[in-house]
């Protein structure tokens, strides 16, 4: 509930601090005293629309701070946690309004967006008045009230989860369809490419090996002639081997005649013959090594060029062609698997849709039952509010084609204000005063279900007097037994039932230089009686008015 409200430099309020407690608090005062200013300031702290005109004249900024103490598991704390805010202890909502129109918002002294402040404030406070139709104009709100009254939140959450599951199944199916469609467009290319690379069958390291072999064969072709010429010189017709051998034999026959002269020459000739023999052997081996089949070179070049052509075609290195072939094979396999997966996802989507429709149908049936009991409960509250001839109904239209996360139902509050009159939507049929009383009846019925912990009623008793005003006061008091209620009122019957009474007035400040709004807590019985008597009698308070005020306070105290 609201614990404290502090206002500084807003319109006619220079500095104001108010403490609040449980139960019913009324705010009274003469017309123009500043009750609406107080509510505008409170609304500002809850994320309401800011305006530089709210800042007190002569000041650069105004500020409103509202302190709340919601339970640990209250939705407002969860929203604050979602904003990464500290939520231990009280929730302190603060709004700083600049005179130039700029505005800043804080929760527990941490800056937040205005939208975040409004979301948190909306969970803490509801403000209702005969001209405030926000709660009644939105059918989604009507639906949430029917759900709250029937305790249908778990079923509604189950339906939302089922709808979310269906949407995820739809998304998965759609994504798979797009992927399959794209793969189908590439299927012919994939098959052709896979077949081509499979026939080519590239091997790891093959390009380097082929290039080395080709280079070797091409070099061998170039040096073959020179090797043959060299071999001819050493072992052919022009070879010195036979001449040297003949000379060596002649010297050997003469060796005994002059060994000192011949032996060194024989050794030199023997070395020469050995060297020539080695050269011949080396040249023979070189010629054998240089021998190649021209068709082998052709085959090597054809293979190498085929690999490089494929690499250019598929824009990948030759070394990666084998991996690319594997990828194409995997893509084709994935396409085949996707076709099967598509069937499975379509089946999953149908199952999710059927489950979602089942949950929505269950929720619709529960809403119809809840609406009937809500209709009866609200209608029973109407006669004392001088709406005895009125009927209240929660109209439910179910359209499966328009089903969403909240089910397939559109819920709208309808009323018939007089017998024979045509029923219609509450917002179109009821007058301003009737609207406020219908809202009060709803809030009394829904006090512990579907209501914020603090309810503010702004002159909902306007135009009501006598028994109607007394009935409003009774219901506000009943409501205040379960939630905190703040009521701006002109009805003494309502004021008499309050647990706390705040009187709003205007007086002169700064030696008469300006007007200021003041709020006084009427703590003692005498001051309360005087204010209620003023509300009864007007400007001149008579003894009869005081007696009537005392009677009201006694009967309602």
Protein backbone atom coordinates (compact mmCIF):
# COMPACT_ATOMS: atom_id res chain seq x y z
CA UNK A 1 0.00 0.00 0.00
CA UNK A 2 0.92 3.67 -0.18
CA UNK A 3 2.95 4.64 2.88
CA UNK A 4 3.98 8.21 2.16
CA UNK A 5 3.56 10.87 -0.51
CA UNK A 6 5.97 13.82 -0.69
CA UNK A 7 5.37 16.70 -3.13
CA UNK A 8 7.64 19.65 -3.77
CA UNK A 9 7.02 22.63 -6.06
CA UNK A 10 4.08 21.26 -8.02
CA UNK A 11 1.51 23.91 -9.12
CA UNK A 12 0.30 25.46 -5.83
CA UNK A 13 2.08 22.99 -3.56
CA UNK A 14 5.46 24.18 -2.30
CA UNK A 15 6.27 21.37 0.12
CA UNK A 16 3.99 18.64 1.37
CA UNK A 17 4.53 15.31 3.11
CA UNK A 18 1.61 12.99 3.83
CA UNK A 19 1.62 9.66 5.64
CA UNK A 20 -0.96 7.01 4.79
CA UNK A 21 -2.16 3.83 6.41
CA UNK A 22 -4.50 0.95 5.71
CA UNK A 23 -8.24 1.39 5.38
CA UNK A 24 -10.24 4.29 3.97
CA UNK A 25 -8.70 7.75 3.72
CA UNK A 26 -10.85 10.60 2.44
CA UNK A 27 -9.69 13.91 1.01
CA UNK A 28 -12.17 16.75 1.28
CA UNK A 29 -12.15 20.46 0.67
CA UNK A 30 -13.95 23.20 -1.15
CA UNK A 31 -14.04 23.24 -4.92
CA UNK A 32 -10.74 24.62 -6.26
CA UNK A 33 -8.84 23.91 -3.06
CA UNK A 34 -6.36 21.69 -4.88
CA UNK A 35 -7.67 18.15 -4.66
CA UNK A 36 -7.08 17.59 -8.38
CA UNK A 37 -3.56 19.02 -8.01
CA UNK A 38 -2.83 16.42 -5.37
CA UNK A 39 -4.05 13.62 -7.63
CA UNK A 40 -2.15 15.01 -10.64
CA UNK A 41 1.01 15.01 -8.56
CA UNK A 42 0.36 11.47 -7.37
CA UNK A 43 -0.28 10.37 -10.95
CA UNK A 44 3.04 11.95 -11.97
CA UNK A 45 4.89 9.71 -9.49
CA UNK A 46 3.12 6.69 -10.99
CA UNK A 47 4.37 7.42 -14.50
CA UNK A 48 1.55 9.70 -15.63
CA UNK A 49 1.97 12.28 -18.34
CA UNK A 50 4.45 15.01 -17.43
CA UNK A 51 4.12 18.68 -18.25
CA UNK A 52 6.35 21.63 -17.54
CA UNK A 53 3.22 23.55 -16.52
CA UNK A 54 2.99 21.39 -13.39
CA UNK A 55 6.11 23.03 -11.94
CA UNK A 56 5.36 25.78 -9.44
CA UNK A 57 5.84 29.24 -10.86
CA UNK A 58 9.36 30.54 -10.39
CA UNK A 59 10.89 27.10 -9.84
CA UNK A 60 13.11 25.18 -12.26
CA UNK A 61 11.73 21.78 -11.29
CA UNK A 62 9.18 19.96 -9.18
CA UNK A 63 9.36 16.55 -7.58
CA UNK A 64 6.95 13.88 -6.33
CA UNK A 65 7.95 10.84 -4.29
CA UNK A 66 5.60 7.96 -3.43
CA UNK A 67 6.66 5.24 -0.98
CA UNK A 68 4.99 1.81 -1.07
CA UNK A 69 5.43 -1.40 0.94
CA UNK A 70 4.05 -4.19 -1.30
CA UNK A 71 4.36 -7.86 -0.27
CA UNK A 72 7.57 -9.70 -1.27
CA UNK A 73 5.94 -11.54 -4.18
CA UNK A 74 3.95 -8.59 -5.51
CA UNK A 75 4.09 -8.12 -9.31
CA UNK A 76 5.51 -4.62 -8.86
CA UNK A 77 8.62 -6.09 -7.25
CA UNK A 78 8.96 -8.59 -10.08
CA UNK A 79 8.76 -5.77 -12.61
CA UNK A 80 11.41 -3.86 -10.67
CA UNK A 81 13.63 -6.95 -10.63
CA UNK A 82 13.18 -7.14 -14.39
CA UNK A 83 14.71 -3.65 -14.56
CA UNK A 84 17.70 -4.83 -12.47
CA UNK A 85 16.56 -2.70 -9.54
CA UNK A 86 17.10 -3.40 -5.87
CA UNK A 87 13.73 -4.31 -4.36
CA UNK A 88 14.51 -4.95 -0.71
CA UNK A 89 12.35 -2.92 1.66
CA UNK A 90 10.02 -0.22 0.39
CA UNK A 91 9.50 0.62 -3.27
CA UNK A 92 10.16 4.33 -3.71
CA UNK A 93 8.84 5.88 -6.93
CA UNK A 94 10.14 9.35 -7.69
CA UNK A 95 9.50 11.70 -10.58
CA UNK A 96 11.36 14.93 -11.26
CA UNK A 97 9.55 17.31 -13.60
CA UNK A 98 11.53 20.13 -15.21
CA UNK A 99 9.92 23.44 -16.08
CA UNK A 100 11.18 23.06 -19.67
CA UNK A 101 9.10 19.88 -20.08
CA UNK A 102 11.84 17.33 -19.51
CA UNK A 103 11.18 14.62 -16.95
CA UNK A 104 13.19 12.00 -15.08
CA UNK A 105 12.01 8.87 -13.27
CA UNK A 106 13.56 6.87 -10.45
CA UNK A 107 12.72 3.70 -8.55
CA UNK A 108 14.62 3.20 -5.30
CA UNK A 109 16.87 6.09 -6.42
CA UNK A 110 17.89 4.28 -9.59
CA UNK A 111 17.00 5.93 -12.91
CA UNK A 112 14.37 4.16 -15.03
CA UNK A 113 12.37 4.96 -18.14
CA UNK A 114 8.96 6.60 -17.79
CA UNK A 115 7.46 3.43 -19.29
CA UNK A 116 9.06 1.30 -16.57
CA UNK A 117 7.83 3.68 -13.87
CA UNK A 118 4.33 3.57 -15.32
CA UNK A 119 4.33 -0.25 -15.45
CA UNK A 120 5.43 -0.53 -11.82
CA UNK A 121 3.06 2.21 -10.69
CA UNK A 122 0.17 0.54 -12.51
CA UNK A 123 0.67 -2.59 -10.40
CA UNK A 124 0.58 -0.55 -7.19
CA UNK A 125 -2.25 1.94 -7.71
CA UNK A 126 -5.49 2.26 -9.66
CA UNK A 127 -7.08 5.69 -9.99
CA UNK A 128 -10.79 5.76 -10.84
CA UNK A 129 -13.19 8.60 -11.35
CA UNK A 130 -16.41 9.32 -13.21
CA UNK A 131 -14.40 10.74 -16.10
CA UNK A 132 -11.59 8.18 -15.89
CA UNK A 133 -12.64 5.40 -18.24
CA UNK A 134 -9.25 3.73 -18.73
CA UNK A 135 -10.21 0.65 -16.76
CA UNK A 136 -13.58 0.27 -18.46
CA UNK A 137 -12.82 1.06 -22.08
CA UNK A 138 -10.45 -1.81 -22.79
CA UNK A 139 -12.09 -5.24 -23.27
CA UNK A 140 -8.74 -6.87 -22.46
CA UNK A 141 -9.14 -5.41 -18.96
CA UNK A 142 -12.68 -6.81 -18.77
CA UNK A 143 -11.33 -10.24 -19.67
CA UNK A 144 -8.65 -10.02 -16.98
CA UNK A 145 -11.31 -9.12 -14.37
CA UNK A 146 -13.44 -12.12 -15.32
CA UNK A 147 -10.33 -14.31 -15.05
CA UNK A 148 -9.39 -12.79 -11.70
CA UNK A 149 -12.89 -13.22 -10.29
CA UNK A 150 -13.02 -16.89 -11.29
CA UNK A 151 -9.44 -17.59 -10.20
CA UNK A 152 -8.67 -18.52 -13.80
CA UNK A 153 -5.12 -17.13 -13.93
CA UNK A 154 -3.51 -20.62 -13.89
CA UNK A 155 -5.74 -21.73 -16.74
CA UNK A 156 -5.08 -18.47 -18.60
CA UNK A 157 -1.35 -18.98 -18.11
CA UNK A 158 -1.68 -22.56 -19.35
CA UNK A 159 -3.41 -21.22 -22.47
CA UNK A 160 -0.71 -18.59 -22.99
CA UNK A 161 1.96 -21.27 -22.67
CA UNK A 162 0.09 -23.50 -25.11
CA UNK A 163 -0.24 -20.62 -27.56
CA UNK A 164 3.46 -19.90 -27.18
CA UNK A 165 4.23 -23.56 -27.88
CA UNK A 166 2.03 -23.44 -30.96
CA UNK A 167 3.74 -20.29 -32.19
CA UNK A 168 7.16 -21.86 -31.68
CA UNK A 169 6.02 -24.95 -33.58
CA UNK A 170 4.71 -22.72 -36.38
CA UNK A 171 7.98 -20.83 -36.50
CA UNK A 172 10.04 -24.02 -36.60
CA UNK A 173 7.84 -25.39 -39.39
CA UNK A 174 8.06 -22.15 -41.37
CA UNK A 175 11.83 -21.96 -40.99
CA UNK A 176 12.18 -25.57 -42.09
CA UNK A 177 9.91 -24.95 -45.07
CA UNK A 178 12.04 -22.01 -46.13
CA UNK A 179 15.21 -24.03 -45.68
CA UNK A 180 13.79 -26.96 -47.67
CA UNK A 181 12.56 -24.64 -50.40
CA UNK A 182 15.98 -23.04 -50.67
CA UNK A 183 17.61 -26.48 -50.69
CA UNK A 184 15.23 -27.70 -53.36
CA UNK A 185 16.27 -24.82 -55.59
CA UNK A 186 19.89 -25.89 -55.12
CA UNK A 187 19.19 -29.62 -55.32
CA UNK A 188 20.02 -30.02 -59.05
CA UNK A 189 23.26 -28.13 -58.60
CA UNK A 190 24.12 -30.16 -55.51
CA UNK A 191 23.51 -33.46 -57.25
CA UNK A 192 25.49 -32.45 -60.35
CA UNK A 193 28.36 -31.09 -58.28
CA UNK A 194 28.42 -34.12 -56.04
CA UNK A 195 28.42 -36.50 -59.00
CA UNK A 196 31.16 -34.53 -60.75
CA UNK A 197 33.40 -34.40 -57.69
CA UNK A 198 32.67 -38.03 -56.88
CA UNK A 199 33.85 -39.03 -60.37
CA UNK A 200 36.88 -36.80 -60.03
CA UNK A 201 37.58 -38.29 -56.58
CA UNK A 202 40.22 -35.74 -55.50
CA UNK A 203 42.72 -37.00 -52.94
CA UNK A 204 44.54 -35.13 -50.23
CA UNK A 205 47.96 -33.92 -51.42
CA UNK A 206 47.26 -35.03 -54.98
CA UNK A 207 47.83 -31.66 -56.62
CA UNK A 208 51.32 -31.26 -55.16
CA UNK A 209 52.28 -34.81 -56.15
CA UNK A 210 51.03 -34.42 -59.72
CA UNK A 211 52.70 -31.02 -60.12
CA UNK A 212 56.00 -32.50 -58.94
CA UNK A 213 55.71 -35.45 -61.35
CA UNK A 214 54.79 -33.20 -64.26
CA UNK A 215 57.71 -30.86 -63.57
CA UNK A 216 60.09 -33.81 -63.37
CA UNK A 217 58.87 -35.30 -66.67
CA UNK A 218 59.05 -31.96 -68.43
CA UNK A 219 62.61 -31.39 -67.20
CA UNK A 220 63.61 -34.91 -68.20
CA UNK A 221 62.37 -34.29 -71.73
CA UNK A 222 64.56 -31.21 -72.00
CA UNK A 223 67.84 -32.89 -70.82
CA UNK A 224 67.38 -36.24 -72.58
CA UNK A 225 69.31 -35.16 -75.70
CA UNK A 226 72.27 -33.86 -73.78
CA UNK A 227 72.41 -37.05 -71.74
CA UNK A 228 72.43 -39.12 -74.95
CA UNK A 229 75.24 -37.00 -76.40
CA UNK A 230 77.24 -37.39 -73.23
CA UNK A 231 76.59 -41.12 -73.20
CA UNK A 232 77.65 -41.33 -76.85
CA UNK A 233 80.88 -39.54 -76.03
CA UNK A 234 81.67 -41.93 -73.21
CA UNK A 235 80.33 -45.24 -74.56
CA UNK A 236 79.64 -44.69 -78.24
CA UNK A 237 81.72 -45.04 -81.39
CA UNK A 238 83.74 -42.02 -80.41
CA UNK A 239 84.45 -43.34 -76.93
CA UNK A 240 88.14 -43.23 -75.84
CA UNK A 241 87.68 -46.46 -73.90
CA UNK A 242 89.00 -48.78 -76.63
CA UNK A 243 91.94 -46.50 -77.44
CA UNK A 244 92.89 -46.15 -73.79
CA UNK A 245 92.50 -49.90 -73.24
CA UNK A 246 94.79 -50.67 -76.20
CA UNK A 247 97.38 -48.16 -75.00
CA UNK A 248 97.24 -49.62 -71.50
CA UNK A 249 97.83 -53.17 -72.85
CA UNK A 250 100.91 -52.05 -74.85
CA UNK A 251 102.35 -50.35 -71.79
CA UNK A 252 101.73 -53.41 -69.66
CA UNK A 253 103.84 -55.45 -72.08
CA UNK A 254 106.66 -52.91 -71.70
CA UNK A 255 106.37 -52.55 -67.95
CA UNK A 256 109.17 -54.97 -67.15
CA UNK A 257 111.58 -53.04 -69.34
CA UNK A 258 111.14 -49.70 -67.62
CA UNK A 259 108.91 -50.15 -64.59
CA UNK A 260 109.78 -46.79 -63.03
CA UNK A 261 108.56 -45.02 -66.11
CA UNK A 262 105.55 -47.16 -66.99
CA UNK A 263 103.94 -47.97 -63.59
CA UNK A 264 102.73 -44.40 -62.82
CA UNK A 265 101.29 -44.10 -66.30
CA UNK A 266 99.50 -47.42 -65.98
CA UNK A 267 97.97 -46.27 -62.69
CA UNK A 268 96.80 -43.03 -64.29
CA UNK A 269 95.31 -44.86 -67.27
CA UNK A 270 93.60 -47.36 -64.97
CA UNK A 271 92.05 -44.48 -62.99
CA UNK A 272 90.89 -42.86 -66.22
CA UNK A 273 89.31 -46.08 -67.42
CA UNK A 274 87.59 -46.54 -64.04
CA UNK A 275 86.28 -42.96 -64.12
CA UNK A 276 85.02 -43.42 -67.67
CA UNK A 277 83.31 -46.64 -66.63
CA UNK A 278 81.65 -44.88 -63.69
CA UNK A 279 80.59 -42.02 -65.95
CA UNK A 280 79.07 -44.52 -68.36
CA UNK A 281 77.18 -46.22 -65.54
CA UNK A 282 75.95 -42.86 -64.23
CA UNK A 283 74.85 -41.79 -67.69
CA UNK A 284 73.14 -45.14 -68.22
CA UNK A 285 71.21 -44.65 -64.99
CA UNK A 286 70.39 -41.05 -65.88
CA UNK A 287 69.10 -42.17 -69.26
CA UNK A 288 67.01 -44.87 -67.62
CA UNK A 289 65.67 -42.35 -65.10
CA UNK A 290 64.90 -39.84 -67.79
CA UNK A 291 62.95 -42.37 -69.72
CA UNK A 292 59.15 -41.68 -69.50
CA UNK A 293 56.05 -42.47 -71.40
CA UNK A 294 54.75 -39.30 -73.10
CA UNK A 295 51.29 -40.69 -72.47
CA UNK A 296 52.08 -40.64 -68.75
CA UNK A 297 52.87 -36.94 -68.98
CA UNK A 298 49.62 -36.45 -70.86
CA UNK A 299 47.68 -38.38 -68.23
CA UNK A 300 49.38 -36.46 -65.40
CA UNK A 301 48.65 -33.11 -67.01
CA UNK A 302 45.04 -34.09 -67.76
CA UNK A 303 44.48 -35.12 -64.15
CA UNK A 304 46.17 -32.02 -62.76
CA UNK A 305 44.30 -29.68 -65.07
CA UNK A 306 40.98 -31.39 -64.24
CA UNK A 307 41.57 -30.84 -60.55
CA UNK A 308 42.49 -27.19 -61.06
CA UNK A 309 39.50 -26.59 -63.34
CA UNK A 310 37.19 -28.00 -60.65
CA UNK A 311 38.86 -25.78 -58.06
CA UNK A 312 38.20 -22.71 -60.23
CA UNK A 313 34.62 -23.79 -60.92
CA UNK A 314 33.77 -24.23 -57.25
CA UNK A 315 35.98 -21.35 -56.06
CA UNK A 316 37.94 -23.45 -53.63
CA UNK A 317 41.52 -24.70 -53.38
CA UNK A 318 42.24 -28.11 -54.94
CA UNK A 319 43.14 -29.36 -51.48
CA UNK A 320 39.56 -28.54 -50.33
CA UNK A 321 37.75 -30.30 -53.20
CA UNK A 322 37.47 -33.50 -51.20
CA UNK A 323 35.88 -31.64 -48.25
CA UNK A 324 33.56 -29.83 -50.66
CA UNK A 325 32.43 -33.14 -52.11
CA UNK A 326 31.68 -34.33 -48.56
CA UNK A 327 29.74 -31.11 -47.88
CA UNK A 328 27.63 -31.56 -51.03
CA UNK A 329 26.91 -35.12 -49.94
CA UNK A 330 25.92 -33.89 -46.47
CA UNK A 331 23.68 -31.18 -47.99
CA UNK A 332 21.92 -33.76 -50.12
CA UNK A 333 21.49 -36.00 -47.09
CA UNK A 334 20.21 -33.03 -45.09
CA UNK A 335 17.71 -32.28 -47.84
CA UNK A 336 16.41 -35.81 -47.67
CA UNK A 337 16.32 -35.61 -43.88
CA UNK A 338 14.60 -32.18 -44.06
CA UNK A 339 11.78 -33.66 -46.08
CA UNK A 340 11.20 -36.16 -43.29
CA UNK A 341 11.69 -33.47 -40.64
CA UNK A 342 9.16 -31.28 -42.44
CA UNK A 343 6.55 -33.99 -42.03
CA UNK A 344 7.44 -34.36 -38.34
CA UNK A 345 7.30 -30.60 -37.73
CA UNK A 346 3.94 -30.35 -39.50
CA UNK A 347 2.64 -33.08 -37.23
CA UNK A 348 4.07 -31.30 -34.17
CA UNK A 349 2.40 -28.08 -35.29
CA UNK A 350 -0.95 -29.83 -35.60
CA UNK A 351 -0.56 -31.35 -32.15
CA UNK A 352 0.43 -27.99 -30.63
CA UNK A 353 -2.52 -26.33 -32.36
CA UNK A 354 -4.93 -28.97 -31.12
CA UNK A 355 -3.60 -28.60 -27.56
CA UNK A 356 -3.85 -24.82 -27.77
CA UNK A 357 -7.44 -25.02 -29.02
CA UNK A 358 -8.25 -27.46 -26.23
CA UNK A 359 -6.81 -25.09 -23.60
CA UNK A 360 -8.65 -22.13 -25.14
CA UNK A 361 -11.93 -24.07 -25.14
CA UNK A 362 -11.42 -25.05 -21.51
CA UNK A 363 -10.67 -21.41 -20.65
CA UNK A 364 -13.74 -20.20 -22.57
CA UNK A 365 -16.02 -22.56 -20.64
CA UNK A 366 -14.50 -21.42 -17.35
CA UNK A 367 -14.90 -17.77 -18.32
CA UNK A 368 -18.56 -18.24 -19.15
CA UNK A 369 -19.11 -19.78 -15.70
CA UNK A 370 -17.09 -17.04 -14.00
CA UNK A 371 -18.96 -14.32 -15.93
CA UNK A 372 -22.31 -15.64 -14.74
CA UNK A 373 -21.32 -15.47 -11.08
CA UNK A 374 -19.68 -12.06 -11.62
CA UNK A 375 -22.87 -10.77 -13.26
CA UNK A 376 -24.92 -11.86 -10.28
CA UNK A 377 -22.48 -10.44 -7.71
CA UNK A 378 -22.19 -7.04 -9.41
CA UNK A 379 -25.91 -6.78 -10.08
CA UNK A 380 -26.58 -7.47 -6.38
CA UNK A 381 -24.47 -4.41 -5.49
CA UNK A 382 -26.41 -2.07 -7.78
CA UNK A 383 -29.76 -1.44 -5.99
CA UNK A 384 -28.25 0.35 -2.97
CA UNK A 385 -26.28 2.51 -5.41
CA UNK A 386 -29.58 3.69 -6.92
CA UNK A 387 -29.10 1.44 -9.92
CA UNK A 388 -31.79 -0.99 -8.84
CA UNK A 389 -33.28 -1.33 -12.31
CA UNK A 390 -29.89 -1.85 -13.94
CA UNK A 391 -28.47 -5.13 -15.08
CA UNK A 392 -24.81 -5.94 -15.54
CA UNK A 393 -23.55 -8.67 -17.86
CA UNK A 394 -20.12 -9.72 -19.03
CA UNK A 395 -20.68 -10.48 -22.70
CA UNK A 396 -18.36 -13.19 -24.03
CA UNK A 397 -17.89 -13.71 -27.76
CA UNK A 398 -15.72 -16.67 -28.70
CA UNK A 399 -14.01 -16.67 -32.08
CA UNK A 400 -11.48 -19.43 -32.60
CA UNK A 401 -10.27 -17.75 -35.79
CA UNK A 402 -9.12 -14.78 -33.69
CA UNK A 403 -7.61 -16.86 -30.90
CA UNK A 404 -4.43 -15.49 -29.34
CA UNK A 405 -2.31 -15.98 -26.24
CA UNK A 406 -5.27 -14.95 -24.05
CA UNK A 407 -7.62 -17.45 -25.66
CA UNK A 408 -10.41 -17.03 -28.18
CA UNK A 409 -12.71 -14.81 -26.10
CA UNK A 410 -13.58 -11.15 -26.33
CA UNK A 411 -15.10 -10.05 -23.05
CA UNK A 412 -16.98 -6.77 -22.78
CA UNK A 413 -19.04 -5.39 -19.92
CA UNK A 414 -22.60 -4.53 -20.97
CA UNK A 415 -25.33 -2.88 -18.96
CA UNK A 416 -29.02 -2.22 -19.18
CA UNK A 417 -29.68 0.85 -17.07
CA UNK A 418 -33.50 0.79 -17.26
CA UNK A 419 -36.14 -1.86 -18.02
CA UNK A 420 -36.99 -1.89 -21.71
CA UNK A 421 -33.81 -0.05 -22.64
CA UNK A 422 -31.47 -1.65 -25.11
CA UNK A 423 -28.44 -3.25 -23.43
CA UNK A 424 -25.10 -2.03 -24.67
CA UNK A 425 -21.43 -1.59 -23.81
CA UNK A 426 -20.95 0.00 -20.41
CA UNK A 427 -18.91 2.89 -21.82
CA UNK A 428 -21.63 3.81 -24.32
CA UNK A 429 -24.75 3.29 -22.24
CA UNK A 430 -23.89 4.51 -18.73
CA UNK A 431 -23.61 8.18 -17.76
CA UNK A 432 -20.57 9.54 -15.92
CA UNK A 433 -22.13 9.07 -12.49
CA UNK A 434 -23.40 5.62 -13.37
CA UNK A 435 -19.95 4.64 -14.64
CA UNK A 436 -18.36 5.47 -11.31
CA UNK A 437 -20.95 3.46 -9.41
CA UNK A 438 -20.60 0.47 -11.72
CA UNK A 439 -16.84 0.64 -11.19
CA UNK A 440 -17.34 0.79 -7.43
CA UNK A 441 -19.62 -2.23 -7.55
CA UNK A 442 -17.03 -4.10 -9.60
CA UNK A 443 -14.23 -3.15 -7.24
CA UNK A 444 -16.22 -4.22 -4.18
CA UNK A 445 -16.86 -7.61 -5.77
CA UNK A 446 -13.25 -7.91 -6.96
CA UNK A 447 -11.55 -6.32 -3.96
CA UNK A 448 -9.24 -9.23 -3.24
CA UNK A 449 -8.99 -10.38 -6.87
CA UNK A 450 -7.80 -8.29 -9.77
CA UNK A 451 -7.19 -5.06 -7.87
CA UNK A 452 -4.08 -3.08 -7.12
CA UNK A 453 -3.25 -2.79 -3.40
CA UNK A 454 -4.14 0.91 -3.46
CA UNK A 455 -7.35 2.23 -5.05
CA UNK A 456 -8.01 5.93 -5.56
CA UNK A 457 -11.55 7.11 -6.26
CA UNK A 458 -11.84 10.66 -7.54
CA UNK A 459 -15.29 12.05 -6.74
CA UNK A 460 -17.13 8.89 -7.74
CA UNK A 461 -19.96 10.12 -5.49
CA UNK A 462 -20.41 13.21 -7.65
CA UNK A 463 -24.12 13.81 -8.20
CA UNK A 464 -25.07 11.20 -5.61
CA UNK A 465 -26.79 12.20 -2.42
CA UNK A 466 -28.70 10.78 0.47
CA UNK A 467 -29.06 7.01 0.36
CA UNK A 468 -26.91 6.64 -2.78
CA UNK A 469 -24.02 8.53 -1.19
CA UNK A 470 -24.43 6.49 1.97
CA UNK A 471 -24.33 3.26 -0.07
CA UNK A 472 -21.17 4.46 -1.77
CA UNK A 473 -19.63 5.19 1.62
CA UNK A 474 -20.58 1.74 2.90
CA UNK A 475 -18.98 0.06 -0.12
CA UNK A 476 -15.83 2.12 0.08
CA UNK A 477 -15.55 1.12 3.74
CA UNK A 478 -16.09 -2.56 2.85
CA UNK A 479 -13.52 -2.27 0.10
CA UNK A 480 -11.07 -0.62 2.50
CA UNK A 481 -11.22 -3.68 4.74
CA UNK A 482 -9.31 -5.58 2.04
CA UNK A 483 -7.31 -2.95 0.13
CA UNK A 484 -6.13 0.57 0.82
CA UNK A 485 -8.67 3.13 -0.43
CA UNK A 486 -8.19 6.85 -1.00
CA UNK A 487 -11.31 8.79 -1.93
CA UNK A 488 -11.68 12.40 -2.97
CA UNK A 489 -15.24 13.16 -1.96
CA UNK A 490 -17.85 15.88 -1.54
CA UNK A 491 -20.27 13.50 0.19
CA UNK A 492 -20.42 13.78 4.00
CA UNK A 493 -21.84 10.24 4.13
CA UNK A 494 -18.59 9.00 2.58
CA UNK A 495 -16.33 11.21 4.70
CA UNK A 496 -18.02 9.99 7.88
CA UNK A 497 -16.95 6.41 7.21
CA UNK A 498 -13.24 7.22 6.79
CA UNK A 499 -10.58 5.92 9.09
CA UNK A 500 -8.41 8.94 8.20
CA UNK A 501 -9.53 12.36 7.02
CA UNK A 502 -7.38 14.88 5.11
CA UNK A 503 -8.70 18.38 4.51
CA UNK A 504 -7.34 20.30 1.50
CA UNK A 505 -7.43 24.08 1.50
CA UNK A 506 -5.81 27.13 -0.05
CA UNK A 507 -4.27 30.01 1.82
CA UNK A 508 -1.86 32.86 1.22
CA UNK A 509 1.86 32.31 1.59
CA UNK A 510 4.95 34.54 1.44
CA UNK A 511 3.10 37.42 3.13
CA UNK A 512 0.21 37.18 0.72
CA UNK A 513 2.39 37.13 -2.39
CA UNK A 514 1.08 33.81 -3.63
CA UNK A 515 -1.54 31.12 -3.05
CA UNK A 516 -0.53 27.74 -1.66
CA UNK A 517 -2.37 24.45 -1.23
CA UNK A 518 -2.30 23.00 2.27
CA UNK A 519 -3.34 19.60 3.58
CA UNK A 520 -4.34 19.10 7.20
CA UNK A 521 -4.88 15.73 8.84
CA UNK A 522 -8.03 15.92 10.92
CA UNK A 523 -6.97 13.69 13.76
CA UNK A 524 -9.45 14.65 16.50
CA UNK A 525 -13.18 14.11 16.41
CA UNK A 526 -14.03 17.80 16.73
CA UNK A 527 -12.13 18.87 13.63
CA UNK A 528 -13.59 15.98 11.66
CA UNK A 529 -17.12 16.92 12.78
CA UNK A 530 -16.58 20.52 11.74
CA UNK A 531 -15.41 19.50 8.26
CA UNK A 532 -18.32 17.08 7.77
CA UNK A 533 -20.70 19.78 9.02
CA UNK A 534 -19.20 22.20 6.45
CA UNK A 535 -19.83 19.59 3.78
CA UNK A 536 -23.45 19.35 4.93
CA UNK A 537 -24.20 23.03 5.43
CA UNK A 538 -21.86 24.94 3.15
CA UNK A 539 -20.17 28.20 4.09
CA UNK A 540 -22.21 28.76 7.28
CA UNK A 541 -21.97 25.87 9.69
CA UNK A 542 -25.09 25.59 11.82
CA UNK A 543 -25.69 23.65 15.01
CA UNK A 544 -28.09 21.47 13.05
CA UNK A 545 -25.27 20.65 10.62
CA UNK A 546 -22.96 19.81 13.50
CA UNK A 547 -25.60 17.56 15.01
CA UNK A 548 -26.15 15.84 11.67
CA UNK A 549 -22.39 15.41 11.26
CA UNK A 550 -22.10 13.91 14.73
CA UNK A 551 -24.96 11.55 13.90
CA UNK A 552 -23.25 10.43 10.69
CA UNK A 553 -19.96 9.88 12.49
CA UNK A 554 -21.66 7.95 15.28
CA UNK A 555 -23.61 5.68 12.98
CA UNK A 556 -20.63 5.06 10.67
CA UNK A 557 -17.80 5.14 13.14
